[in-house]
Amino acid sequence: MTITELKSKIDEKSKLSTLLHNQLNNLHQELTQLKNEFNQLEMEEFVNYLQIDEVIELDTYYSFRGYCKDPKSTNSLQSGEKIKIIKKNKKSIVIEVVKKFNRRWDDVQKKSVVIGDTNPGWNIRVDLDSFFHFYLRSETMKYAFESYVKRKHALDSLFDE
């Protein structure tokens, strides 16, 4: 190959590379937009799915990002403790802690042991995103939510016909 031919090939491949790079950029922007729309729609579906006065028993430890007026309250909850949904909106929900274990440190067993439970009645405003990710950590709750979305979609498609 001559220098002119090589230069021509380099120019051709550079133009093609720039074109593909621009297409990839556009595709990435579209993908980001679709992911944002998906997340927004998923949160809307989740808010619709949650029921006021629904009591949820936690099956694992979780610490919510939230706010409570009571200075004695804690946002960390253990397995077996219960919460109830009081209010819901697009950005947060309010939960009431209806069952909280009293614990103390046992020096013999070298661990925290449950000595009773109470209903502290703490109302905690929880960030919806934080609650959503907590909720989906449980396989049972995740399956129930996904089933709800599928049923709702199926019903909506029936009524649209």
N, C-alpha and C. Protein backbone atom coordinates (compact mmCIF):
# COMPACT_ATOMS: atom_id res chain seq x y z
N MET A 1 0.83 -1.18 0.00
CA MET A 1 0.00 0.00 0.00
C MET A 1 0.87 1.24 0.00
N THR A 2 0.34 2.24 -0.67
CA THR A 2 1.08 3.49 -0.74
C THR A 2 0.65 4.39 0.42
N ILE A 3 1.40 5.42 0.63
CA ILE A 3 1.10 6.38 1.71
C ILE A 3 -0.26 7.01 1.49
N THR A 4 -0.59 7.34 0.28
CA THR A 4 -1.86 7.97 -0.03
C THR A 4 -3.02 7.02 0.29
N GLU A 5 -2.86 5.77 -0.07
CA GLU A 5 -3.90 4.79 0.22
C GLU A 5 -4.08 4.60 1.73
N LEU A 6 -2.95 4.52 2.45
CA LEU A 6 -3.02 4.38 3.91
C LEU A 6 -3.67 5.59 4.56
N LYS A 7 -3.30 6.77 4.10
CA LYS A 7 -3.89 7.99 4.65
C LYS A 7 -5.38 8.02 4.38
N SER A 8 -5.78 7.60 3.21
CA SER A 8 -7.19 7.55 2.85
C SER A 8 -7.94 6.57 3.75
N LYS A 9 -7.34 5.39 3.97
CA LYS A 9 -7.96 4.39 4.85
C LYS A 9 -8.06 4.91 6.29
N ILE A 10 -7.02 5.58 6.76
CA ILE A 10 -7.03 6.14 8.11
C ILE A 10 -8.14 7.18 8.25
N ASP A 11 -8.28 8.05 7.26
CA ASP A 11 -9.34 9.05 7.28
C ASP A 11 -10.72 8.40 7.28
N GLU A 12 -10.86 7.37 6.46
CA GLU A 12 -12.14 6.66 6.38
C GLU A 12 -12.49 6.00 7.71
N LYS A 13 -11.51 5.33 8.31
CA LYS A 13 -11.74 4.65 9.60
C LYS A 13 -11.96 5.66 10.73
N SER A 14 -11.31 6.80 10.66
CA SER A 14 -11.50 7.85 11.68
C SER A 14 -12.92 8.40 11.61
N LYS A 15 -13.41 8.63 10.40
CA LYS A 15 -14.78 9.12 10.24
C LYS A 15 -15.78 8.08 10.75
N LEU A 16 -15.54 6.82 10.42
CA LEU A 16 -16.41 5.75 10.88
C LEU A 16 -16.38 5.64 12.41
N SER A 17 -15.19 5.76 12.97
CA SER A 17 -15.04 5.71 14.42
C SER A 17 -15.80 6.86 15.09
N THR A 18 -15.70 8.04 14.54
CA THR A 18 -16.41 9.21 15.09
C THR A 18 -17.91 9.00 14.98
N LEU A 19 -18.37 8.48 13.86
CA LEU A 19 -19.80 8.22 13.66
C LEU A 19 -20.30 7.19 14.68
N LEU A 20 -19.55 6.11 14.86
CA LEU A 20 -19.95 5.08 15.82
C LEU A 20 -19.91 5.61 17.25
N HIS A 21 -18.92 6.43 17.55
CA HIS A 21 -18.83 7.03 18.88
C HIS A 21 -20.05 7.93 19.15
N ASN A 22 -20.45 8.71 18.17
CA ASN A 22 -21.64 9.56 18.32
C ASN A 22 -22.90 8.72 18.49
N GLN A 23 -23.01 7.64 17.74
CA GLN A 23 -24.16 6.74 17.88
C GLN A 23 -24.19 6.11 19.28
N LEU A 24 -23.02 5.72 19.75
CA LEU A 24 -22.92 5.14 21.09
C LEU A 24 -23.32 6.16 22.16
N ASN A 25 -22.89 7.38 22.00
CA ASN A 25 -23.26 8.46 22.93
C ASN A 25 -24.78 8.65 22.95
N ASN A 26 -25.38 8.72 21.78
CA ASN A 26 -26.83 8.88 21.69
C ASN A 26 -27.57 7.70 22.32
N LEU A 27 -27.07 6.51 22.05
CA LEU A 27 -27.67 5.31 22.63
C LEU A 27 -27.55 5.32 24.16
N HIS A 28 -26.42 5.74 24.66
CA HIS A 28 -26.21 5.83 26.12
C HIS A 28 -27.17 6.85 26.74
N GLN A 29 -27.37 7.98 26.09
CA GLN A 29 -28.30 8.99 26.60
C GLN A 29 -29.74 8.46 26.60
N GLU A 30 -30.12 7.77 25.55
CA GLU A 30 -31.46 7.18 25.50
C GLU A 30 -31.63 6.13 26.59
N LEU A 31 -30.60 5.32 26.80
CA LEU A 31 -30.64 4.29 27.83
C LEU A 31 -30.77 4.92 29.23
N THR A 32 -30.04 5.96 29.49
CA THR A 32 -30.14 6.67 30.78
C THR A 32 -31.53 7.24 30.98
N GLN A 33 -32.10 7.82 29.94
CA GLN A 33 -33.45 8.38 30.02
C GLN A 33 -34.47 7.27 30.28
N LEU A 34 -34.34 6.14 29.60
CA LEU A 34 -35.25 5.01 29.82
C LEU A 34 -35.14 4.46 31.24
N LYS A 35 -33.92 4.37 31.76
CA LYS A 35 -33.72 3.90 33.14
C LYS A 35 -34.37 4.85 34.14
N ASN A 36 -34.23 6.16 33.91
CA ASN A 36 -34.85 7.15 34.79
C ASN A 36 -36.37 7.04 34.75
N GLU A 37 -36.93 6.88 33.55
CA GLU A 37 -38.38 6.71 33.42
C GLU A 37 -38.84 5.43 34.12
N PHE A 38 -38.06 4.36 33.96
CA PHE A 38 -38.39 3.09 34.62
C PHE A 38 -38.40 3.25 36.13
N ASN A 39 -37.35 3.88 36.68
CA ASN A 39 -37.26 4.07 38.13
C ASN A 39 -38.42 4.92 38.64
N GLN A 40 -38.77 5.96 37.91
CA GLN A 40 -39.88 6.82 38.32
C GLN A 40 -41.20 6.06 38.30
N LEU A 41 -41.44 5.31 37.24
CA LEU A 41 -42.67 4.52 37.14
C LEU A 41 -42.71 3.43 38.20
N GLU A 42 -41.56 2.81 38.46
CA GLU A 42 -41.50 1.76 39.48
C GLU A 42 -41.83 2.34 40.86
N MET A 43 -41.34 3.53 41.16
CA MET A 43 -41.66 4.17 42.45
C MET A 43 -43.15 4.51 42.53
N GLU A 44 -43.73 5.00 41.43
CA GLU A 44 -45.17 5.29 41.42
C GLU A 44 -45.97 4.02 41.67
N GLU A 45 -45.58 2.92 41.01
CA GLU A 45 -46.25 1.64 41.22
C GLU A 45 -46.10 1.18 42.66
N PHE A 46 -44.91 1.40 43.23
CA PHE A 46 -44.67 0.99 44.61
C PHE A 46 -45.55 1.76 45.59
N VAL A 47 -45.68 3.06 45.37
CA VAL A 47 -46.55 3.88 46.23
C VAL A 47 -47.99 3.39 46.11
N ASN A 48 -48.43 3.08 44.90
CA ASN A 48 -49.79 2.55 44.71
C ASN A 48 -49.96 1.19 45.38
N TYR A 49 -48.89 0.40 45.39
CA TYR A 49 -48.94 -0.95 45.96
C TYR A 49 -49.08 -0.92 47.49
N LEU A 50 -48.38 0.02 48.13
CA LEU A 50 -48.43 0.09 49.59
C LEU A 50 -49.83 0.44 50.07
N GLN A 51 -50.26 -0.22 51.11
CA GLN A 51 -51.59 0.01 51.67
C GLN A 51 -51.48 0.69 53.02
N ILE A 52 -52.30 1.71 53.23
CA ILE A 52 -52.36 2.37 54.54
C ILE A 52 -52.83 1.33 55.56
N ASP A 53 -52.25 1.37 56.74
CA ASP A 53 -52.53 0.45 57.86
C ASP A 53 -52.00 -0.96 57.62
N GLU A 54 -51.20 -1.16 56.59
CA GLU A 54 -50.57 -2.46 56.37
C GLU A 54 -49.48 -2.66 57.42
N VAL A 55 -49.48 -3.80 58.08
CA VAL A 55 -48.47 -4.12 59.09
C VAL A 55 -47.44 -5.04 58.44
N ILE A 56 -46.17 -4.67 58.59
CA ILE A 56 -45.08 -5.43 57.98
C ILE A 56 -44.17 -5.93 59.09
N GLU A 57 -43.96 -7.24 59.11
CA GLU A 57 -43.01 -7.82 60.06
C GLU A 57 -41.67 -7.94 59.35
N LEU A 58 -40.65 -7.37 59.95
CA LEU A 58 -39.34 -7.37 59.33
C LEU A 58 -38.70 -8.74 59.46
N ASP A 59 -38.04 -9.18 58.40
CA ASP A 59 -37.38 -10.48 58.45
C ASP A 59 -35.86 -10.36 58.46
N THR A 60 -35.38 -9.13 58.56
CA THR A 60 -33.95 -8.89 58.64
C THR A 60 -33.71 -7.54 59.30
N TYR A 61 -32.48 -7.29 59.69
CA TYR A 61 -32.13 -5.99 60.27
C TYR A 61 -32.22 -4.92 59.19
N TYR A 62 -32.70 -3.74 59.58
CA TYR A 62 -32.69 -2.64 58.63
C TYR A 62 -32.64 -1.32 59.37
N SER A 63 -31.94 -0.37 58.79
CA SER A 63 -31.86 0.98 59.32
C SER A 63 -32.40 1.92 58.26
N PHE A 64 -33.52 2.59 58.57
CA PHE A 64 -34.15 3.50 57.63
C PHE A 64 -33.50 4.87 57.64
N ARG A 65 -33.50 5.53 56.49
CA ARG A 65 -33.18 6.95 56.45
C ARG A 65 -34.49 7.67 56.71
N GLY A 66 -34.61 8.26 57.88
CA GLY A 66 -35.87 8.89 58.21
C GLY A 66 -35.76 9.84 59.39
N TYR A 67 -36.89 10.42 59.75
CA TYR A 67 -36.94 11.41 60.82
C TYR A 67 -38.09 11.08 61.77
N CYS A 68 -37.81 11.18 63.07
CA CYS A 68 -38.84 10.99 64.09
C CYS A 68 -38.68 12.08 65.14
N LYS A 69 -39.80 12.63 65.61
CA LYS A 69 -39.75 13.70 66.60
C LYS A 69 -39.28 13.22 67.97
N ASP A 70 -39.56 11.96 68.30
CA ASP A 70 -39.21 11.42 69.60
C ASP A 70 -37.70 11.22 69.70
N PRO A 71 -37.02 11.88 70.67
CA PRO A 71 -35.57 11.74 70.77
C PRO A 71 -35.12 10.33 71.19
N LYS A 72 -36.02 9.54 71.76
CA LYS A 72 -35.67 8.18 72.19
C LYS A 72 -35.80 7.17 71.05
N SER A 73 -36.33 7.60 69.93
CA SER A 73 -36.57 6.67 68.83
C SER A 73 -35.27 6.27 68.15
N THR A 74 -35.35 5.17 67.45
CA THR A 74 -34.22 4.71 66.65
C THR A 74 -34.76 4.27 65.29
N ASN A 75 -33.98 4.51 64.27
CA ASN A 75 -34.39 4.14 62.91
C ASN A 75 -33.92 2.75 62.54
N SER A 76 -33.24 2.08 63.46
CA SER A 76 -32.78 0.73 63.16
C SER A 76 -33.71 -0.28 63.82
N LEU A 77 -34.12 -1.24 63.02
CA LEU A 77 -35.07 -2.24 63.48
C LEU A 77 -34.50 -3.63 63.23
N GLN A 78 -34.89 -4.58 64.08
CA GLN A 78 -34.38 -5.94 64.02
C GLN A 78 -35.41 -6.88 63.41
N SER A 79 -34.97 -8.07 63.09
CA SER A 79 -35.86 -9.11 62.59
C SER A 79 -36.92 -9.42 63.62
N GLY A 80 -38.17 -9.53 63.16
CA GLY A 80 -39.28 -9.85 64.05
C GLY A 80 -40.04 -8.63 64.54
N GLU A 81 -39.46 -7.46 64.42
CA GLU A 81 -40.15 -6.23 64.84
C GLU A 81 -41.14 -5.83 63.75
N LYS A 82 -42.17 -5.07 64.13
CA LYS A 82 -43.24 -4.76 63.18
C LYS A 82 -43.41 -3.26 63.01
N ILE A 83 -43.76 -2.88 61.78
CA ILE A 83 -44.07 -1.49 61.46
C ILE A 83 -45.42 -1.44 60.76
N LYS A 84 -46.06 -0.29 60.81
CA LYS A 84 -47.34 -0.11 60.13
C LYS A 84 -47.24 1.16 59.29
N ILE A 85 -47.75 1.09 58.08
CA ILE A 85 -47.73 2.24 57.18
C ILE A 85 -48.89 3.16 57.56
N ILE A 86 -48.58 4.42 57.86
CA ILE A 86 -49.58 5.39 58.29
C ILE A 86 -49.99 6.33 57.14
N LYS A 87 -48.98 6.88 56.45
CA LYS A 87 -49.23 7.80 55.33
C LYS A 87 -48.27 7.46 54.21
N LYS A 88 -48.64 7.87 53.00
CA LYS A 88 -47.74 7.69 51.87
C LYS A 88 -47.92 8.85 50.91
N ASN A 89 -46.81 9.24 50.28
CA ASN A 89 -46.86 10.22 49.19
C ASN A 89 -45.74 9.89 48.21
N LYS A 90 -45.45 10.78 47.29
CA LYS A 90 -44.51 10.47 46.22
C LYS A 90 -43.06 10.39 46.67
N LYS A 91 -42.70 11.07 47.76
CA LYS A 91 -41.30 11.11 48.16
C LYS A 91 -41.00 10.40 49.47
N SER A 92 -42.00 10.19 50.30
CA SER A 92 -41.76 9.55 51.58
C SER A 92 -43.02 8.85 52.07
N ILE A 93 -42.83 8.03 53.09
CA ILE A 93 -43.96 7.41 53.77
C ILE A 93 -43.75 7.61 55.27
N VAL A 94 -44.83 7.53 56.01
CA VAL A 94 -44.75 7.60 57.46
C VAL A 94 -45.10 6.22 57.99
N ILE A 95 -44.19 5.67 58.79
CA ILE A 95 -44.43 4.37 59.41
C ILE A 95 -44.54 4.55 60.91
N GLU A 96 -45.29 3.66 61.53
CA GLU A 96 -45.38 3.62 62.97
C GLU A 96 -44.75 2.31 63.43
N VAL A 97 -43.85 2.40 64.41
CA VAL A 97 -43.25 1.19 64.96
C VAL A 97 -44.26 0.62 65.95
N VAL A 98 -44.81 -0.55 65.65
CA VAL A 98 -45.85 -1.14 66.51
C VAL A 98 -45.31 -2.27 67.39
N LYS A 99 -44.14 -2.79 67.06
CA LYS A 99 -43.53 -3.80 67.92
C LYS A 99 -42.03 -3.61 67.88
N LYS A 100 -41.45 -3.34 69.04
CA LYS A 100 -40.00 -3.12 69.16
C LYS A 100 -39.51 -3.97 70.32
N PHE A 101 -38.45 -4.73 70.10
CA PHE A 101 -37.91 -5.58 71.15
C PHE A 101 -37.07 -4.77 72.12
N ASN A 102 -37.23 -5.07 73.41
CA ASN A 102 -36.32 -4.54 74.43
C ASN A 102 -35.17 -5.53 74.54
N ARG A 103 -33.97 -5.02 74.50
CA ARG A 103 -32.79 -5.87 74.52
C ARG A 103 -31.83 -5.42 75.61
N ARG A 104 -31.04 -6.36 76.06
CA ARG A 104 -29.95 -6.02 76.96
C ARG A 104 -28.78 -6.95 76.64
N TRP A 105 -27.60 -6.51 77.03
CA TRP A 105 -26.39 -7.28 76.76
C TRP A 105 -26.25 -8.38 77.81
N ASP A 106 -26.03 -9.60 77.35
CA ASP A 106 -25.81 -10.73 78.25
C ASP A 106 -24.32 -11.05 78.23
N ASP A 107 -23.66 -10.85 79.39
CA ASP A 107 -22.21 -11.09 79.47
C ASP A 107 -21.85 -12.56 79.36
N VAL A 108 -22.76 -13.45 79.76
CA VAL A 108 -22.49 -14.88 79.69
C VAL A 108 -22.50 -15.35 78.24
N GLN A 109 -23.58 -14.97 77.50
CA GLN A 109 -23.70 -15.40 76.11
C GLN A 109 -22.91 -14.51 75.15
N LYS A 110 -22.47 -13.38 75.65
CA LYS A 110 -21.71 -12.41 74.84
C LYS A 110 -22.50 -11.93 73.64
N LYS A 111 -23.80 -11.65 73.86
CA LYS A 111 -24.64 -11.12 72.79
C LYS A 111 -25.84 -10.40 73.40
N SER A 112 -26.54 -9.69 72.56
CA SER A 112 -27.74 -8.97 72.96
C SER A 112 -28.91 -9.94 72.97
N VAL A 113 -29.67 -9.95 74.06
CA VAL A 113 -30.81 -10.87 74.15
C VAL A 113 -32.09 -10.07 74.33
N VAL A 114 -33.18 -10.62 73.83
CA VAL A 114 -34.49 -9.98 73.92
C VAL A 114 -35.05 -10.26 75.31
N ILE A 115 -35.48 -9.20 76.00
CA ILE A 115 -36.07 -9.37 77.32
C ILE A 115 -37.56 -9.01 77.33
N GLY A 116 -38.09 -8.60 76.19
CA GLY A 116 -39.50 -8.25 76.07
C GLY A 116 -39.73 -7.42 74.82
N ASP A 117 -40.99 -7.07 74.61
CA ASP A 117 -41.28 -6.19 73.48
C ASP A 117 -42.31 -5.15 73.90
N THR A 118 -42.30 -4.03 73.19
CA THR A 118 -43.21 -2.93 73.49
C THR A 118 -43.79 -2.39 72.19
N ASN A 119 -44.77 -1.53 72.33
CA ASN A 119 -45.31 -0.78 71.21
C ASN A 119 -44.96 0.68 71.46
N PRO A 120 -43.80 1.13 70.96
CA PRO A 120 -43.39 2.50 71.25
C PRO A 120 -44.23 3.56 70.54
N GLY A 121 -44.89 3.20 69.43
CA GLY A 121 -45.73 4.16 68.72
C GLY A 121 -44.97 5.28 68.04
N TRP A 122 -43.70 5.06 67.75
CA TRP A 122 -42.91 6.08 67.06
C TRP A 122 -43.41 6.23 65.63
N ASN A 123 -43.65 7.45 65.21
CA ASN A 123 -43.97 7.74 63.81
C ASN A 123 -42.71 8.25 63.15
N ILE A 124 -42.25 7.54 62.15
CA ILE A 124 -41.00 7.88 61.47
C ILE A 124 -41.31 8.18 60.01
N ARG A 125 -40.90 9.37 59.56
CA ARG A 125 -41.02 9.71 58.13
C ARG A 125 -39.79 9.13 57.44
N VAL A 126 -40.05 8.21 56.51
CA VAL A 126 -38.97 7.47 55.85
C VAL A 126 -38.90 7.88 54.39
N ASP A 127 -37.71 8.11 53.92
CA ASP A 127 -37.47 8.39 52.51
C ASP A 127 -37.96 7.20 51.69
N LEU A 128 -38.76 7.46 50.66
CA LEU A 128 -39.37 6.39 49.87
C LEU A 128 -38.33 5.49 49.22
N ASP A 129 -37.26 6.07 48.72
CA ASP A 129 -36.21 5.28 48.08
C ASP A 129 -35.59 4.30 49.09
N SER A 130 -35.34 4.77 50.30
CA SER A 130 -34.78 3.92 51.34
C SER A 130 -35.74 2.78 51.67
N PHE A 131 -37.02 3.09 51.81
CA PHE A 131 -38.01 2.06 52.14
C PHE A 131 -38.17 1.07 50.99
N PHE A 132 -38.14 1.56 49.77
CA PHE A 132 -38.27 0.72 48.59
C PHE A 132 -37.16 -0.33 48.55
N HIS A 133 -35.92 0.12 48.77
CA HIS A 133 -34.80 -0.82 48.72
C HIS A 133 -34.83 -1.79 49.90
N PHE A 134 -35.29 -1.32 51.06
CA PHE A 134 -35.48 -2.23 52.19
C PHE A 134 -36.53 -3.29 51.82
N TYR A 135 -37.63 -2.84 51.27
CA TYR A 135 -38.77 -3.73 50.97
C TYR A 135 -38.36 -4.83 50.01
N LEU A 136 -37.57 -4.48 49.02
CA LEU A 136 -37.19 -5.46 48.00
C LEU A 136 -36.05 -6.37 48.45
N ARG A 137 -35.49 -6.14 49.63
CA ARG A 137 -34.48 -7.07 50.15
C ARG A 137 -35.09 -8.40 50.54
N SER A 138 -36.35 -8.38 50.92
CA SER A 138 -37.05 -9.61 51.27
C SER A 138 -37.57 -10.25 49.99
N GLU A 139 -37.21 -11.50 49.76
CA GLU A 139 -37.65 -12.20 48.55
C GLU A 139 -39.17 -12.31 48.49
N THR A 140 -39.80 -12.54 49.64
CA THR A 140 -41.26 -12.68 49.68
C THR A 140 -41.93 -11.37 49.29
N MET A 141 -41.47 -10.26 49.86
CA MET A 141 -42.06 -8.96 49.56
C MET A 141 -41.77 -8.55 48.12
N LYS A 142 -40.58 -8.88 47.64
CA LYS A 142 -40.22 -8.57 46.26
C LYS A 142 -41.12 -9.33 45.29
N TYR A 143 -41.34 -10.61 45.56
CA TYR A 143 -42.20 -11.43 44.71
C TYR A 143 -43.63 -10.89 44.72
N ALA A 144 -44.12 -10.49 45.91
CA ALA A 144 -45.48 -9.96 46.02
C ALA A 144 -45.62 -8.66 45.21
N PHE A 145 -44.63 -7.79 45.29
CA PHE A 145 -44.67 -6.53 44.53
C PHE A 145 -44.63 -6.81 43.03
N GLU A 146 -43.74 -7.69 42.59
CA GLU A 146 -43.64 -8.01 41.17
C GLU A 146 -44.93 -8.65 40.66
N SER A 147 -45.56 -9.49 41.49
CA SER A 147 -46.84 -10.10 41.11
C SER A 147 -47.92 -9.04 40.96
N TYR A 148 -47.92 -8.07 41.87
CA TYR A 148 -48.88 -6.96 41.80
C TYR A 148 -48.72 -6.20 40.50
N VAL A 149 -47.48 -5.89 40.14
CA VAL A 149 -47.23 -5.13 38.91
C VAL A 149 -47.70 -5.92 37.69
N LYS A 150 -47.43 -7.23 37.66
CA LYS A 150 -47.86 -8.06 36.53
C LYS A 150 -49.38 -8.14 36.45
N ARG A 151 -50.04 -8.32 37.59
CA ARG A 151 -51.51 -8.38 37.60
C ARG A 151 -52.11 -7.07 37.14
N LYS A 152 -51.55 -5.96 37.64
CA LYS A 152 -52.07 -4.65 37.28
C LYS A 152 -51.90 -4.40 35.78
N HIS A 153 -50.74 -4.76 35.26
CA HIS A 153 -50.49 -4.60 33.82
C HIS A 153 -51.47 -5.45 33.01
N ALA A 154 -51.69 -6.69 33.45
CA ALA A 154 -52.63 -7.57 32.74
C ALA A 154 -54.04 -7.01 32.77
N LEU A 155 -54.47 -6.51 33.92
CA LEU A 155 -55.82 -5.92 34.02
C LEU A 155 -55.94 -4.66 33.16
N ASP A 156 -54.91 -3.83 33.20
CA ASP A 156 -54.92 -2.61 32.39
C ASP A 156 -55.01 -2.95 30.90
N SER A 157 -54.28 -3.98 30.48
CA SER A 157 -54.31 -4.35 29.06
C SER A 157 -55.67 -4.92 28.67
N LEU A 158 -56.35 -5.60 29.61
CA LEU A 158 -57.70 -6.11 29.33
C LEU A 158 -58.69 -4.97 29.12
N PHE A 159 -58.59 -3.94 29.98
CA PHE A 159 -59.54 -2.83 29.89
C PHE A 159 -59.23 -1.90 28.72
N ASP A 160 -57.98 -1.91 28.25
CA ASP A 160 -57.62 -1.07 27.11
C ASP A 160 -58.17 -1.62 25.80
N GLU A 161 -58.46 -2.92 25.76
CA GLU A 161 -58.93 -3.54 24.51
C GLU A 161 -60.34 -3.24 24.23
